[in-house]
Amino acid sequence: MRSDDPTPLTRAEVELLEGFLAHDFPGVEALRAQTRGLLAKRGCICGCGTIDLIPRGQDLPRSSAANPVEVSGHVLDADGVPIGGVLLWLADGLLYSLEVYWYDRPIDLPAVRSVQWQL
């Protein structure tokens, strides 16, 4: 679990965020530009893998994307059974949170290979 102190994204966090932003949807270009220098911190205390995102830099482009963005993911276990999902949230057009939700019990930040993307 992440700490409350903002630090650069881990490799797994970068891969999951790139999974969202690899899809084309209105406003995605601005979100891609916001990833440079992006920091993250723990976003929830329940034990799930949700992280809060902290864009850095001045004059960052604001996205016109829906909130949450229109790309979402179903998290699958090793048997291909859905156990939760991931959503990407914005605040005032800026990256804000990568939410990890679950069906039965909290799950950690999933590996991108276990996510089935939906647009």
Protein backbone atom coordinates (compact mmCIF):
# COMPACT_ATOMS: atom_id res chain seq x y z
CA MET A 1 0.00 0.00 0.00
CA ARG A 2 1.21 3.50 -0.85
CA SER A 3 2.01 6.10 1.75
CA ASP A 4 0.33 9.46 2.21
CA ASP A 5 3.45 11.19 0.89
CA PRO A 6 3.38 12.06 -2.82
CA THR A 7 6.07 10.24 -4.82
CA PRO A 8 6.61 9.38 -8.49
CA LEU A 9 4.42 6.62 -9.87
CA THR A 10 5.62 3.03 -9.64
CA ARG A 11 6.08 1.03 -12.82
CA ALA A 12 2.80 -0.83 -12.19
CA GLU A 13 0.94 2.47 -11.70
CA VAL A 14 2.43 3.90 -14.89
CA GLU A 15 1.40 0.80 -16.85
CA LEU A 16 -2.17 0.96 -15.55
CA LEU A 17 -2.49 4.68 -16.30
CA GLU A 18 -1.04 4.08 -19.77
CA GLY A 19 -3.71 1.39 -20.22
CA PHE A 20 -6.41 4.02 -19.78
CA LEU A 21 -4.66 6.62 -21.94
CA ALA A 22 -3.84 4.19 -24.77
CA HIS A 23 -7.47 4.52 -25.87
CA ASP A 24 -8.67 7.42 -27.95
CA PHE A 25 -11.50 9.45 -26.45
CA PRO A 26 -12.30 13.17 -26.32
CA GLY A 27 -9.80 14.97 -24.07
CA VAL A 28 -7.22 12.18 -23.88
CA GLU A 29 -4.40 14.27 -25.40
CA ALA A 30 -4.55 16.74 -22.51
CA LEU A 31 -4.47 13.85 -20.03
CA ARG A 32 -1.43 12.35 -21.73
CA ALA A 33 0.34 15.71 -21.41
CA GLN A 34 -0.48 15.80 -17.69
CA THR A 35 1.46 12.59 -16.99
CA ARG A 36 4.87 14.27 -17.17
CA GLY A 37 6.07 14.73 -13.59
CA LEU A 38 2.91 13.11 -12.19
CA LEU A 39 3.02 12.12 -8.52
CA ALA A 40 0.75 9.78 -6.56
CA LYS A 41 -0.20 9.06 -2.96
CA ARG A 42 -2.52 6.65 -1.17
CA GLY A 43 -6.09 7.38 -2.14
CA CYS A 44 -7.98 5.19 0.31
CA ILE A 45 -7.43 3.58 3.71
CA CYS A 46 -9.59 0.47 3.17
CA GLY A 47 -6.72 -1.60 1.78
CA CYS A 48 -7.56 -1.28 -1.92
CA GLY A 49 -5.08 -0.04 -4.50
CA THR A 50 -6.75 3.33 -5.16
CA ILE A 51 -4.27 6.17 -5.62
CA ASP A 52 -4.68 9.92 -5.79
CA LEU A 53 -2.87 11.56 -8.71
CA ILE A 54 -1.09 14.89 -8.41
CA PRO A 55 -0.27 16.59 -11.72
CA ARG A 56 2.73 18.93 -11.57
CA GLY A 57 3.61 21.84 -13.73
CA GLN A 58 2.20 25.18 -14.65
CA ASP A 59 -0.29 25.80 -17.41
CA LEU A 60 -1.21 22.13 -17.77
CA PRO A 61 -3.81 21.56 -20.49
CA ARG A 62 -7.27 20.84 -19.06
CA SER A 63 -9.12 17.86 -20.46
CA SER A 64 -12.68 17.93 -21.72
CA ALA A 65 -13.05 14.20 -20.98
CA ALA A 66 -16.05 12.83 -19.12
CA ASN A 67 -15.69 12.15 -15.41
CA PRO A 68 -14.84 9.37 -14.84
CA VAL A 69 -13.19 8.99 -18.23
CA GLU A 70 -15.15 6.81 -20.60
CA VAL A 71 -12.57 4.01 -20.53
CA SER A 72 -12.92 1.61 -17.62
CA GLY A 73 -11.51 -1.77 -16.80
CA HIS A 74 -12.75 -5.01 -15.31
CA VAL A 75 -10.15 -6.69 -13.11
CA LEU A 76 -10.04 -10.45 -13.63
CA ASP A 77 -8.55 -13.10 -11.37
CA ALA A 78 -6.26 -15.88 -12.66
CA ASP A 79 -9.34 -17.86 -13.77
CA GLY A 80 -10.78 -14.93 -15.74
CA VAL A 81 -13.49 -14.19 -13.18
CA PRO A 82 -14.25 -10.48 -12.58
CA ILE A 83 -13.19 -9.44 -9.05
CA GLY A 84 -13.44 -5.65 -9.40
CA GLY A 85 -12.55 -2.81 -11.68
CA VAL A 86 -10.64 0.40 -12.26
CA LEU A 87 -11.84 3.94 -13.02
CA LEU A 88 -9.91 7.12 -13.82
CA TRP A 89 -11.29 10.31 -12.25
CA LEU A 90 -10.62 13.96 -13.06
CA ALA A 91 -11.01 17.20 -11.11
CA ASP A 92 -11.39 20.40 -13.14
CA GLY A 93 -9.99 18.62 -16.21
CA LEU A 94 -6.89 17.34 -14.39
CA LEU A 95 -5.97 13.77 -13.45
CA TYR A 96 -7.23 13.19 -9.92
CA SER A 97 -7.64 9.54 -8.92
CA LEU A 98 -7.12 6.03 -10.19
CA GLU A 99 -9.84 4.12 -8.34
CA VAL A 100 -9.65 0.39 -7.69
CA TYR A 101 -12.98 -1.13 -6.65
CA TRP A 102 -13.86 -4.69 -5.74
CA TYR A 103 -16.83 -7.05 -5.46
CA ASP A 104 -16.01 -9.29 -2.46
CA ARG A 105 -12.92 -7.90 -0.73
CA PRO A 106 -10.46 -5.06 -1.32
CA ILE A 107 -7.95 -5.67 -4.11
CA ASP A 108 -4.59 -4.07 -4.59
CA LEU A 109 -3.61 -2.12 -7.68
CA PRO A 110 -4.03 -4.73 -10.43
CA ALA A 111 -1.42 -5.63 -13.00
CA VAL A 112 -2.39 -4.22 -16.37
CA ARG A 113 -2.44 -7.75 -17.84
CA SER A 114 -5.37 -8.62 -15.55
CA VAL A 115 -7.52 -5.73 -16.79
CA GLN A 116 -10.11 -6.15 -19.52
CA TRP A 117 -10.64 -2.67 -20.99
CA GLN A 118 -14.03 -1.31 -21.93
CA LEU A 119 -14.75 1.84 -23.94
